[in-house]
Protein backbone atom coordinates (compact mmCIF):
# COMPACT_ATOMS: atom_id res chain seq x y z
CA UNK A 1 -0.03 -0.15 0.18
CA UNK A 2 1.75 3.31 -1.02
CA UNK A 3 1.76 6.29 1.71
CA UNK A 4 1.22 9.78 0.33
CA UNK A 5 4.11 12.15 1.23
CA UNK A 6 3.06 14.06 4.10
CA UNK A 7 4.76 17.59 3.02
CA UNK A 8 7.52 18.63 6.16
CA UNK A 9 8.40 21.58 5.38
CA UNK A 10 6.33 25.06 4.26
CA UNK A 11 7.22 26.62 0.80
CA UNK A 12 5.03 29.81 -0.06
CA UNK A 13 1.92 29.64 1.35
CA UNK A 14 -1.59 31.25 0.04
CA UNK A 15 -2.79 34.41 1.16
CA UNK A 16 -5.58 32.57 2.38
CA UNK A 17 -2.90 29.97 4.51
CA UNK A 18 -1.34 33.16 5.80
CA UNK A 19 -4.55 34.45 7.02
CA UNK A 20 -6.00 31.14 8.16
CA UNK A 21 -3.08 30.56 10.58
CA UNK A 22 -2.99 33.20 11.82
CA UNK A 23 -6.62 33.64 12.72
CA UNK A 24 -6.25 30.15 14.42
CA UNK A 25 -2.83 31.11 16.28
CA UNK A 26 -4.77 33.82 17.99
CA UNK A 27 -8.57 32.63 18.34
CA UNK A 28 -6.73 29.52 19.97
CA UNK A 29 -4.17 31.14 21.55
CA UNK A 30 -1.54 28.64 20.24
CA UNK A 31 1.94 30.30 20.85
CA UNK A 32 4.27 32.92 18.92
CA UNK A 33 6.92 30.84 20.21
CA UNK A 34 6.11 27.49 18.21
CA UNK A 35 9.14 27.14 16.61
CA UNK A 36 7.70 25.51 12.65
CA UNK A 37 3.68 26.07 11.99
CA UNK A 38 4.13 23.11 9.34
CA UNK A 39 1.74 20.74 11.01
CA UNK A 40 -0.62 23.75 11.26
CA UNK A 41 -0.51 23.86 7.65
CA UNK A 42 -1.12 20.29 6.81
CA UNK A 43 -3.76 20.43 8.96
CA UNK A 44 -5.54 23.08 7.29
CA UNK A 45 -5.40 21.51 4.31
CA UNK A 46 -6.50 17.89 5.40
CA UNK A 47 -9.22 19.95 6.34
CA UNK A 48 -9.72 21.26 3.50
CA UNK A 49 -10.23 17.87 1.89
CA UNK A 50 -12.18 16.22 4.42
CA UNK A 51 -14.52 19.26 4.37
CA UNK A 52 -14.83 19.93 1.00
CA UNK A 53 -15.39 16.15 0.53
CA UNK A 54 -18.34 16.06 2.63
CA UNK A 55 -19.37 19.10 1.03
CA UNK A 56 -19.70 17.52 -2.25
CA UNK A 57 -18.61 21.17 -3.58
CA UNK A 58 -15.41 23.42 -3.27
CA UNK A 59 -16.05 25.62 -0.27
CA UNK A 60 -16.18 28.92 -0.09
CA UNK A 61 -14.17 29.55 3.35
CA UNK A 62 -14.43 33.45 3.03
CA UNK A 63 -18.40 32.99 1.96
CA UNK A 64 -19.40 30.10 3.98
CA UNK A 65 -18.83 31.12 7.50
CA UNK A 66 -19.99 27.88 9.13
CA UNK A 67 -17.69 25.67 7.14
CA UNK A 68 -14.63 28.56 8.03
CA UNK A 69 -15.35 27.66 11.89
CA UNK A 70 -15.47 24.40 11.38
CA UNK A 71 -12.32 23.58 9.09
CA UNK A 72 -10.11 25.96 12.55
CA UNK A 73 -11.65 23.44 14.83
CA UNK A 74 -10.62 20.61 12.61
CA UNK A 75 -6.98 22.01 13.04
CA UNK A 76 -7.22 22.66 16.90
CA UNK A 77 -8.59 18.83 17.27
CA UNK A 78 -6.17 17.34 15.16
CA UNK A 79 -3.38 19.55 16.83
CA UNK A 80 -3.68 18.29 19.69
CA UNK A 81 -4.11 14.52 18.39
CA UNK A 82 -8.12 14.72 19.10
CA UNK A 83 -9.44 14.23 15.38
CA UNK A 84 -12.05 11.01 16.74
CA UNK A 85 -13.50 13.17 19.19
CA UNK A 86 -13.90 15.98 16.60
CA UNK A 87 -16.00 14.09 14.22
CA UNK A 88 -18.33 12.84 16.73
CA UNK A 89 -18.94 16.39 18.34
CA UNK A 90 -19.26 18.60 15.07
CA UNK A 91 -21.04 14.98 13.06
CA UNK A 92 -24.51 17.49 13.24
CA UNK A 93 -22.64 19.96 11.86
CA UNK A 94 -20.84 18.02 8.88
CA UNK A 95 -24.87 16.83 7.79
CA UNK A 96 -26.15 20.21 8.53
CA UNK A 97 -23.34 21.55 5.47
CA UNK A 98 -23.69 18.83 3.16
CA UNK A 99 -27.68 19.36 3.73
CA UNK A 100 -27.38 23.11 2.88
CA UNK A 101 -25.00 22.43 -0.24
CA UNK A 102 -27.11 19.96 -1.77
CA UNK A 103 -30.44 22.24 -1.26
CA UNK A 104 -28.39 24.90 -2.50
CA UNK A 105 -27.34 22.97 -6.09
CA UNK A 106 -30.46 20.74 -6.35
CA UNK A 107 -33.12 23.46 -5.46
CA UNK A 108 -36.37 21.38 -7.28
CA UNK A 109 -35.51 18.53 -4.64
């Protein structure tokens, strides 16, 4: 079984990555003395993939503030090695987002 290589060094970050990383660090009181943000950046990208797959669309995290909140919480829980708990605690939020996007793109159903 092949395992995808995990990004071990942060290259140039997009403006979105920089902005979201700073928000996460402030809101969740992550130390500014943390030497390496690679893990947080990887968690952001993993969270985007997870939420987008659930939503069934490429989510605009600047417009969809509920998905943005979920993404920030995903990063917090992932950073604390608690993703299983995140999935339990926020499964209803995931279901609501999935319903929202289904209704948005299938208005006649």
